[in-house]
N, C-alpha and C. Protein backbone atom coordinates (compact mmCIF):
# COMPACT_ATOMS: atom_id res chain seq x y z
N UNK A 1 164.33 71.50 -115.21
CA UNK A 1 164.31 71.51 -116.86
C UNK A 1 164.73 69.92 -117.19
N UNK A 2 164.28 69.81 -117.94
CA UNK A 2 164.37 68.15 -118.63
C UNK A 2 165.57 67.93 -118.95
N UNK A 3 166.36 68.74 -119.71
CA UNK A 3 167.66 68.75 -120.47
C UNK A 3 168.64 68.54 -118.98
N UNK A 4 168.56 69.38 -118.25
CA UNK A 4 169.25 69.52 -117.46
C UNK A 4 169.36 68.28 -116.15
N UNK A 5 168.07 68.01 -115.77
CA UNK A 5 168.05 66.74 -115.31
C UNK A 5 168.66 65.68 -115.77
N UNK A 6 168.24 65.59 -117.43
CA UNK A 6 168.99 64.42 -117.92
C UNK A 6 170.38 64.35 -117.54
N UNK A 7 170.82 65.45 -117.56
CA UNK A 7 172.30 65.52 -117.87
C UNK A 7 173.05 64.53 -116.36
N UNK A 8 172.69 64.48 -115.81
CA UNK A 8 172.92 63.55 -114.42
C UNK A 8 171.97 62.34 -114.20
N UNK A 9 171.64 61.65 -115.39
CA UNK A 9 170.83 60.38 -115.00
C UNK A 9 171.43 59.79 -116.53
N UNK A 10 170.75 58.91 -116.44
CA UNK A 10 170.82 57.72 -117.85
C UNK A 10 170.37 57.98 -119.04
N UNK A 11 169.90 59.28 -118.86
CA UNK A 11 169.03 59.43 -120.34
C UNK A 11 169.83 60.63 -121.13
N UNK A 12 169.73 60.65 -122.62
CA UNK A 12 170.21 61.97 -123.20
C UNK A 12 168.87 62.89 -123.54
N UNK A 13 169.11 63.85 -123.73
CA UNK A 13 168.21 65.43 -124.02
C UNK A 13 167.34 64.67 -125.06
N UNK A 14 167.54 63.57 -126.03
CA UNK A 14 166.65 63.70 -127.07
C UNK A 14 165.94 62.45 -126.97
N UNK A 15 166.07 61.48 -125.78
CA UNK A 15 165.13 60.07 -125.64
C UNK A 15 164.12 60.55 -124.84
N UNK A 16 162.78 59.58 -125.50
CA UNK A 16 161.99 59.76 -124.86
C UNK A 16 161.76 59.10 -123.80
N UNK A 17 161.22 59.34 -122.85
CA UNK A 17 161.01 58.59 -121.32
C UNK A 17 159.69 58.66 -120.73
N UNK A 18 159.20 57.77 -120.68
CA UNK A 18 158.04 57.34 -119.74
C UNK A 18 158.37 56.69 -118.52
N UNK A 19 157.88 56.74 -117.70
CA UNK A 19 158.05 56.60 -116.14
C UNK A 19 156.91 56.06 -115.21
N UNK A 20 157.36 55.73 -113.97
CA UNK A 20 156.69 56.07 -113.24
C UNK A 20 157.52 55.88 -111.73
N UNK A 21 157.10 56.00 -110.45
CA UNK A 21 157.21 55.97 -109.16
C UNK A 21 156.38 55.57 -108.57
N UNK A 22 156.78 54.46 -107.96
CA UNK A 22 155.81 53.16 -107.02
C UNK A 22 156.10 52.57 -106.18
N UNK A 23 155.86 52.04 -105.37
CA UNK A 23 156.03 50.52 -104.52
C UNK A 23 156.08 49.71 -105.46
N UNK A 24 156.83 49.45 -105.84
CA UNK A 24 156.69 48.00 -107.03
C UNK A 24 155.59 46.78 -106.33
N UNK A 25 154.78 46.54 -106.30
CA UNK A 25 153.44 45.43 -106.04
C UNK A 25 152.73 45.55 -107.18
N UNK A 26 152.26 44.43 -107.51
CA UNK A 26 151.13 43.91 -108.54
C UNK A 26 150.41 44.76 -108.96
N UNK A 27 149.20 45.58 -107.61
CA UNK A 27 148.47 46.57 -108.21
C UNK A 27 148.71 47.58 -109.11
N UNK A 28 149.89 47.89 -109.12
CA UNK A 28 150.66 49.24 -110.02
C UNK A 28 150.52 49.01 -111.43
N UNK A 29 150.89 47.92 -111.64
CA UNK A 29 150.38 47.73 -113.29
C UNK A 29 151.68 47.68 -113.83
N UNK A 30 152.94 47.47 -113.20
CA UNK A 30 154.18 47.88 -113.90
C UNK A 30 154.41 46.51 -114.88
N UNK A 31 153.97 45.09 -114.53
CA UNK A 31 154.13 44.48 -115.44
C UNK A 31 153.22 44.70 -116.96
N UNK A 32 152.36 45.49 -117.30
CA UNK A 32 151.55 45.97 -118.11
C UNK A 32 152.50 47.34 -118.90
N UNK A 33 152.93 48.11 -118.15
CA UNK A 33 153.69 49.09 -118.55
C UNK A 33 155.16 48.42 -119.15
N UNK A 34 155.51 47.40 -118.41
CA UNK A 34 156.83 46.96 -119.65
C UNK A 34 156.47 45.99 -120.81
N UNK A 35 155.07 45.13 -120.86
CA UNK A 35 154.49 44.46 -121.97
C UNK A 35 154.18 45.95 -123.17
N UNK A 36 153.79 46.73 -122.53
CA UNK A 36 153.52 48.06 -123.44
C UNK A 36 154.72 48.98 -124.15
N UNK A 37 155.84 48.75 -122.99
CA UNK A 37 157.16 49.08 -123.40
C UNK A 37 157.85 47.93 -124.67
N UNK A 38 157.52 47.03 -124.34
CA UNK A 38 158.04 46.22 -125.46
C UNK A 38 157.56 46.00 -126.56
N UNK A 39 156.15 46.57 -126.99
CA UNK A 39 155.78 46.74 -128.18
C UNK A 39 156.43 47.76 -129.23
N UNK A 40 156.20 47.21 -130.54
CA UNK A 40 157.38 47.85 -131.59
C UNK A 40 156.90 49.12 -132.25
N UNK A 41 155.84 49.80 -131.39
CA UNK A 41 155.52 51.02 -131.18
C UNK A 41 156.08 51.84 -130.68
N UNK A 42 157.04 51.62 -129.52
CA UNK A 42 157.43 52.01 -128.75
C UNK A 42 159.16 51.73 -128.32
N UNK A 43 159.39 51.01 -129.72
CA UNK A 43 161.03 50.51 -129.91
C UNK A 43 161.92 51.69 -129.19
N UNK A 44 161.70 52.80 -128.99
CA UNK A 44 162.74 53.74 -129.65
C UNK A 44 162.68 54.08 -128.12
N UNK A 45 161.35 54.06 -127.31
CA UNK A 45 161.06 55.11 -125.81
C UNK A 45 161.89 54.31 -124.51
N UNK A 46 162.36 54.88 -123.97
CA UNK A 46 163.03 54.39 -122.86
C UNK A 46 161.89 54.45 -121.76
N UNK A 47 161.93 53.68 -120.65
CA UNK A 47 161.39 53.48 -119.71
C UNK A 47 162.44 53.97 -118.16
N UNK A 48 161.52 54.35 -117.08
CA UNK A 48 161.89 54.61 -116.00
C UNK A 48 161.38 54.15 -114.83
N UNK A 49 161.79 53.56 -114.10
CA UNK A 49 160.58 52.84 -113.16
C UNK A 49 161.63 53.05 -111.38
N UNK A 50 160.62 53.94 -110.96
CA UNK A 50 161.38 54.71 -109.55
C UNK A 50 160.83 54.19 -108.73
N UNK A 51 161.42 53.05 -107.80
CA UNK A 51 160.74 52.53 -106.40
C UNK A 51 161.10 51.26 -106.18
N UNK A 52 161.31 50.65 -105.38
CA UNK A 52 161.39 49.13 -104.73
C UNK A 52 160.06 48.89 -104.14
N UNK A 53 160.62 47.54 -103.99
CA UNK A 53 159.34 46.43 -103.59
C UNK A 53 159.48 45.10 -103.77
N UNK A 54 158.83 44.19 -103.54
CA UNK A 54 158.89 43.30 -103.45
C UNK A 54 158.98 42.54 -104.85
N UNK A 55 158.66 43.02 -105.86
CA UNK A 55 158.32 42.89 -107.16
C UNK A 55 159.72 43.45 -108.24
N UNK A 56 160.35 44.38 -107.79
CA UNK A 56 161.56 44.81 -108.20
C UNK A 56 162.34 43.81 -108.89
N UNK A 57 163.06 42.69 -108.34
CA UNK A 57 163.90 41.71 -108.89
C UNK A 57 162.83 40.65 -109.93
N UNK A 58 161.18 40.60 -109.65
CA UNK A 58 160.46 40.20 -111.20
C UNK A 58 160.59 41.01 -112.12
N UNK A 59 160.51 42.34 -111.90
CA UNK A 59 159.92 42.71 -112.92
C UNK A 59 161.80 43.17 -114.02
N UNK A 60 162.45 43.12 -113.20
CA UNK A 60 163.84 43.18 -113.91
C UNK A 60 163.98 41.63 -115.03
N UNK A 61 163.82 40.55 -114.27
CA UNK A 61 163.70 39.60 -115.06
C UNK A 61 162.84 40.02 -116.04
N UNK A 62 161.38 40.38 -115.98
CA UNK A 62 160.44 40.33 -117.11
C UNK A 62 160.96 41.34 -118.08
N UNK A 63 161.49 42.47 -117.75
CA UNK A 63 162.44 43.32 -118.84
C UNK A 63 163.21 42.60 -119.91
N UNK A 64 164.01 41.65 -119.30
CA UNK A 64 164.72 40.91 -119.72
C UNK A 64 164.31 39.85 -120.62
N UNK A 65 163.18 39.35 -120.35
CA UNK A 65 162.43 38.32 -120.76
C UNK A 65 162.03 39.08 -122.41
N UNK A 66 161.55 40.30 -122.31
CA UNK A 66 160.87 40.76 -123.32
C UNK A 66 161.69 41.47 -123.94
N UNK A 67 162.74 41.51 -123.59
CA UNK A 67 163.84 42.08 -124.92
C UNK A 67 164.09 43.70 -124.80
N UNK A 68 163.77 44.00 -123.29
CA UNK A 68 163.86 45.85 -123.43
C UNK A 68 164.99 45.85 -122.37
N UNK A 69 165.23 45.14 -121.39
CA UNK A 69 166.16 45.45 -120.56
C UNK A 69 167.05 46.24 -120.27
N UNK A 70 167.55 46.75 -121.63
CA UNK A 70 168.56 47.69 -121.97
C UNK A 70 167.99 49.37 -122.29
N UNK A 71 166.56 49.37 -122.32
CA UNK A 71 165.90 50.25 -122.62
C UNK A 71 165.22 50.79 -121.14
N UNK A 72 165.31 49.89 -120.13
CA UNK A 72 164.46 50.22 -118.97
C UNK A 72 165.74 50.56 -117.95
N UNK A 73 165.46 51.23 -117.17
CA UNK A 73 166.52 51.92 -115.81
C UNK A 73 165.22 52.04 -114.42
N UNK A 74 165.92 51.17 -113.68
CA UNK A 74 165.40 50.66 -112.51
C UNK A 74 166.07 51.53 -111.91
N UNK A 75 165.65 52.43 -110.85
CA UNK A 75 166.36 53.33 -109.95
C UNK A 75 166.50 52.58 -108.23
N UNK A 76 165.35 51.90 -107.81
CA UNK A 76 165.63 51.15 -106.63
C UNK A 76 164.96 52.77 -105.82
N UNK A 77 164.27 52.35 -104.57
CA UNK A 77 164.10 53.42 -103.73
C UNK A 77 164.96 54.51 -103.88
N UNK A 78 164.32 55.84 -103.66
CA UNK A 78 164.57 57.05 -103.72
C UNK A 78 163.83 58.02 -102.81
N UNK A 79 164.46 58.68 -102.05
CA UNK A 79 163.96 59.74 -101.02
C UNK A 79 163.75 60.64 -101.77
N UNK A 80 164.32 61.06 -102.24
CA UNK A 80 163.93 62.31 -103.45
C UNK A 80 163.46 62.11 -104.81
N UNK A 81 162.11 62.06 -105.40
CA UNK A 81 161.95 61.62 -106.67
C UNK A 81 161.49 62.90 -107.68
N UNK A 82 162.15 63.86 -107.28
CA UNK A 82 161.91 64.96 -108.51
C UNK A 82 162.51 65.16 -108.99
N UNK A 83 164.06 64.57 -109.06
CA UNK A 83 164.80 64.84 -110.36
C UNK A 83 164.76 63.56 -111.38
N UNK A 84 163.61 62.34 -110.77
CA UNK A 84 163.99 61.24 -111.61
C UNK A 84 162.24 61.98 -112.34
N UNK A 85 161.71 62.84 -111.79
CA UNK A 85 160.12 63.11 -112.56
C UNK A 85 160.49 63.90 -113.40
N UNK A 86 161.84 64.66 -113.20
CA UNK A 86 161.89 65.51 -114.38
C UNK A 86 163.00 65.18 -115.63
N UNK A 87 163.28 63.93 -115.36
CA UNK A 87 163.46 63.60 -116.49
C UNK A 87 162.81 62.32 -117.18
N UNK A 88 161.12 62.65 -116.95
CA UNK A 88 160.21 62.05 -117.84
C UNK A 88 159.41 62.74 -118.68
N UNK A 89 159.04 62.45 -119.67
CA UNK A 89 157.95 63.11 -120.61
C UNK A 89 156.41 62.63 -120.56
N UNK A 90 156.73 61.34 -120.07
CA UNK A 90 155.14 61.39 -119.35
C UNK A 90 155.31 60.59 -118.35
N UNK A 91 154.31 60.53 -117.28
CA UNK A 91 153.90 59.97 -115.99
C UNK A 91 152.94 58.41 -116.37
N UNK A 92 153.42 57.56 -115.66
CA UNK A 92 151.92 56.52 -116.61
C UNK A 92 152.02 55.69 -115.16
N UNK A 93 150.73 55.35 -114.96
CA UNK A 93 150.63 54.72 -113.66
C UNK A 93 149.20 53.70 -114.46
N UNK A 94 149.90 52.27 -114.57
CA UNK A 94 148.51 51.61 -114.78
C UNK A 94 148.16 50.83 -114.24
N UNK A 95 147.62 51.32 -113.19
CA UNK A 95 147.09 50.63 -111.89
C UNK A 95 146.04 49.48 -112.43
N UNK A 96 146.15 48.75 -111.51
CA UNK A 96 145.05 47.29 -111.63
C UNK A 96 144.15 47.46 -110.55
N UNK A 97 144.34 48.00 -109.77
CA UNK A 97 143.34 48.05 -108.69
C UNK A 97 142.87 49.11 -107.96
N UNK A 98 142.00 49.27 -107.40
CA UNK A 98 141.49 50.65 -106.94
C UNK A 98 142.22 51.68 -105.99
N UNK A 99 142.72 52.27 -106.41
CA UNK A 99 143.97 53.34 -105.66
C UNK A 99 142.90 54.52 -105.50
N UNK A 100 143.97 54.76 -103.90
CA UNK A 100 143.24 55.84 -102.93
C UNK A 100 143.75 57.46 -104.17
N UNK A 101 144.51 58.50 -103.21
CA UNK A 101 144.84 59.24 -104.54
C UNK A 101 146.63 59.14 -104.10
N UNK A 102 147.10 58.61 -105.28
CA UNK A 102 148.45 58.29 -105.55
C UNK A 102 149.28 59.46 -105.34
N UNK A 103 150.08 59.39 -103.87
CA UNK A 103 150.93 60.81 -103.71
C UNK A 103 152.12 60.99 -105.47
N UNK A 104 152.60 59.86 -105.72
CA UNK A 104 153.62 60.03 -106.90
C UNK A 104 152.89 60.51 -107.84
N UNK A 105 151.65 60.18 -108.36
CA UNK A 105 151.00 61.05 -109.41
C UNK A 105 150.81 62.54 -109.28
N UNK A 106 150.26 62.62 -108.21
CA UNK A 106 150.14 64.01 -107.49
C UNK A 106 151.46 64.78 -107.66
N UNK A 107 152.55 64.30 -107.24
CA UNK A 107 153.73 64.97 -107.46
C UNK A 107 154.04 65.32 -109.32
N UNK A 108 153.76 64.09 -110.05
CA UNK A 108 154.07 64.40 -111.03
C UNK A 108 153.19 65.39 -112.07
N UNK A 109 151.77 65.43 -111.52
CA UNK A 109 150.75 66.70 -111.91
C UNK A 109 151.54 67.88 -111.83
N UNK A 110 152.00 68.13 -110.59
CA UNK A 110 152.73 69.52 -109.83
C UNK A 110 153.40 69.77 -110.71
N UNK A 111 154.30 68.85 -111.07
CA UNK A 111 155.56 68.78 -112.05
C UNK A 111 155.42 69.47 -113.61
N UNK A 112 154.03 69.16 -113.66
CA UNK A 112 153.44 69.47 -115.12
C UNK A 112 154.21 68.24 -116.20
N UNK A 113 153.49 67.17 -115.33
CA UNK A 113 154.07 65.85 -116.59
C UNK A 113 152.72 65.41 -117.50
N UNK A 114 152.50 64.89 -118.31
CA UNK A 114 151.06 64.56 -118.62
C UNK A 114 151.52 63.48 -117.84
N UNK A 115 149.91 62.56 -117.52
CA UNK A 115 150.02 61.68 -116.92
C UNK A 115 149.04 60.70 -117.92
N UNK A 116 149.06 59.43 -117.81
CA UNK A 116 148.50 57.99 -118.34
C UNK A 116 148.14 57.51 -116.99
N UNK A 117 147.00 56.92 -117.20
CA UNK A 117 146.39 56.06 -115.76
C UNK A 117 145.03 55.15 -116.16
N UNK A 118 144.34 54.54 -115.59
CA UNK A 118 143.70 53.90 -115.29
C UNK A 118 142.29 54.42 -114.74
N UNK A 119 141.33 54.06 -114.80
CA UNK A 119 140.15 55.12 -114.10
C UNK A 119 139.72 54.06 -112.51
N UNK A 120 141.04 54.24 -111.67
CA UNK A 120 140.71 53.27 -110.56
C UNK A 120 140.50 53.99 -109.31
N UNK A 121 139.55 54.21 -108.75
CA UNK A 121 139.54 54.33 -107.58
C UNK A 121 139.64 55.86 -107.71
N UNK A 122 139.93 56.54 -106.52
CA UNK A 122 140.06 58.26 -106.25
C UNK A 122 140.90 58.61 -107.50
N UNK A 123 141.79 57.78 -108.01
CA UNK A 123 142.35 58.84 -109.53
C UNK A 123 141.17 59.26 -109.97
N UNK A 124 140.37 59.00 -110.36
CA UNK A 124 139.01 59.74 -110.96
C UNK A 124 138.98 60.83 -111.08
N UNK A 125 138.72 61.51 -109.19
CA UNK A 125 139.14 62.50 -108.71
C UNK A 125 140.39 63.54 -109.42
N UNK A 126 140.91 63.38 -109.59
CA UNK A 126 142.61 63.72 -110.23
C UNK A 126 142.48 63.92 -111.64
N UNK A 127 142.38 62.32 -112.29
CA UNK A 127 142.17 63.03 -113.55
C UNK A 127 140.39 62.99 -114.67
N UNK A 128 141.03 63.76 -114.86
CA UNK A 128 139.54 63.87 -116.41
C UNK A 128 140.46 63.35 -117.42
N UNK A 129 139.58 62.88 -118.22
CA UNK A 129 140.25 61.89 -119.18
C UNK A 129 140.31 62.76 -120.26
N UNK A 130 141.12 63.24 -120.79
CA UNK A 130 141.70 63.90 -122.40
C UNK A 130 141.81 65.71 -121.89
N UNK A 131 141.81 65.73 -120.53
CA UNK A 131 141.49 66.95 -119.68
C UNK A 131 142.90 67.02 -119.13
N UNK A 132 142.59 66.48 -117.74
CA UNK A 132 144.21 66.66 -117.34
C UNK A 132 145.05 65.68 -117.09
N UNK A 133 144.36 64.20 -118.46
CA UNK A 133 145.55 63.25 -118.16
C UNK A 133 144.51 62.47 -119.34
N UNK A 134 145.34 60.82 -119.58
CA UNK A 134 144.27 60.49 -120.28
C UNK A 134 144.29 58.54 -119.49
N UNK A 135 143.18 58.23 -119.88
CA UNK A 135 142.50 57.26 -119.29
C UNK A 135 142.98 55.73 -120.13
N UNK A 136 143.19 54.49 -119.92
CA UNK A 136 143.39 53.39 -120.45
C UNK A 136 142.52 52.26 -119.75
N UNK A 137 142.14 51.55 -120.83
CA UNK A 137 141.65 50.38 -119.85
C UNK A 137 142.54 49.23 -118.37
N UNK A 138 142.01 49.20 -117.52
CA UNK A 138 143.04 48.36 -116.87
C UNK A 138 143.50 46.86 -117.30
N UNK A 139 145.01 46.96 -117.52
CA UNK A 139 145.84 45.69 -117.91
C UNK A 139 145.70 45.66 -119.37
N UNK A 140 145.45 47.03 -120.48
CA UNK A 140 145.35 46.68 -121.63
C UNK A 140 146.62 47.30 -122.05
N UNK A 141 147.67 46.39 -122.40
CA UNK A 141 149.11 46.70 -122.86
C UNK A 141 148.57 47.69 -124.13
N UNK A 142 148.25 47.06 -124.95
CA UNK A 142 147.90 47.25 -126.66
C UNK A 142 147.29 48.90 -126.59
N UNK A 143 145.88 49.70 -125.45
CA UNK A 143 146.33 50.67 -125.42
C UNK A 143 147.07 51.79 -124.53
N UNK A 144 147.69 51.23 -123.87
CA UNK A 144 148.66 51.72 -123.25
C UNK A 144 149.53 52.67 -123.84
N UNK A 145 150.59 51.28 -124.62
CA UNK A 145 151.34 51.49 -125.87
C UNK A 145 150.91 52.72 -126.78
N UNK A 146 149.43 52.56 -127.19
CA UNK A 146 148.50 53.76 -127.88
C UNK A 146 148.86 55.21 -127.32
N UNK A 147 148.48 55.25 -126.20
CA UNK A 147 148.37 56.62 -125.24
C UNK A 147 150.01 56.98 -125.68
N UNK A 148 150.98 55.78 -124.86
CA UNK A 148 151.93 56.74 -124.42
C UNK A 148 152.98 57.39 -126.08
N UNK A 149 152.35 56.44 -127.03
CA UNK A 149 153.06 56.93 -128.42
C UNK A 149 151.84 58.24 -128.32
N UNK A 150 150.80 58.29 -128.14
CA UNK A 150 150.32 59.99 -128.84
C UNK A 150 151.04 60.84 -127.79
N UNK A 151 151.09 60.49 -127.03
CA UNK A 151 151.50 61.81 -126.17
C UNK A 151 153.19 62.48 -125.90
N UNK A 152 154.01 61.12 -126.35
CA UNK A 152 155.04 61.61 -126.77
C UNK A 152 155.23 62.13 -128.20
N UNK A 153 154.76 61.66 -129.12
CA UNK A 153 154.51 62.08 -130.60
C UNK A 153 153.81 63.80 -130.27
N UNK A 154 153.17 63.64 -129.95
CA UNK A 154 151.79 65.31 -130.03
C UNK A 154 152.31 66.02 -128.77
N UNK A 155 153.71 66.60 -128.95
CA UNK A 155 153.91 67.65 -127.87
C UNK A 155 153.30 68.54 -127.66
N UNK A 156 151.84 69.14 -128.56
CA UNK A 156 151.31 70.06 -128.24
C UNK A 156 150.14 69.51 -126.78
N UNK A 157 149.98 68.17 -127.32
CA UNK A 157 149.11 67.44 -126.85
C UNK A 157 149.56 67.09 -124.91
N UNK A 158 150.90 66.97 -124.98
CA UNK A 158 152.42 66.49 -124.05
C UNK A 158 151.96 67.80 -123.14
N UNK A 159 151.86 68.98 -123.83
CA UNK A 159 151.35 70.55 -122.75
C UNK A 159 150.75 70.79 -122.24
N UNK A 160 149.69 70.43 -123.51
CA UNK A 160 148.41 70.74 -123.17
C UNK A 160 148.07 70.56 -121.60
N UNK A 161 148.11 68.73 -121.41
CA UNK A 161 147.66 67.78 -120.46
C UNK A 161 148.61 68.11 -119.76
N UNK A 162 150.08 68.16 -119.25
CA UNK A 162 150.66 68.69 -118.18
C UNK A 162 150.37 70.01 -117.70
N UNK A 163 149.82 70.82 -118.35
CA UNK A 163 149.67 72.51 -117.79
C UNK A 163 148.53 72.49 -116.88
N UNK A 164 147.35 71.57 -117.42
CA UNK A 164 146.09 70.90 -116.83
C UNK A 164 146.13 70.40 -115.90
N UNK A 165 147.30 69.57 -115.54
CA UNK A 165 147.75 68.27 -114.56
C UNK A 165 147.93 69.72 -113.55
N UNK A 166 148.46 70.43 -113.86
CA UNK A 166 149.67 71.10 -113.09
C UNK A 166 148.34 72.19 -112.31
N UNK A 167 147.84 72.85 -113.05
CA UNK A 167 146.77 73.75 -112.82
C UNK A 167 145.78 73.01 -111.58
N UNK A 168 145.41 71.65 -112.10
CA UNK A 168 144.12 70.81 -111.42
C UNK A 168 144.73 70.92 -109.92
N UNK A 169 146.02 69.65 -109.91
CA UNK A 169 146.33 69.64 -108.33
C UNK A 169 147.11 70.83 -107.97
């Protein structure tokens, strides 16, 4: 239950939360996600970044530079990501390189989350654009922001994508 999960975390029940679970390295596209979160159309959205890696500190600095550090929650490394996934309204993996089958994205799909990603490598085996998730072009923060906004504002779309993702996985 999202409301129960949020009581144990940094978000309120009414917050709109986009998130990612990943080893924080360049290919995951987290800087693109930060740039999307900084766009005016997402000014009320919160961002949850679950994971660790050599980019953690540079990403925190980038969030501060973009003026969104107060809306971004970095958890660092987590053994059990289930409670963090349950806090999200949408899972985002803006991959910049071809991916295998991302475990965290599979977990997000199994949790019934709508997914926004890029058509990179084996991701195309899990996501059918418009059916089990949404694709955006690699490195395009504007398109990513538009897709996040669309899913966050359209509850019926979010539920449809999440249910199809869960059934598919």
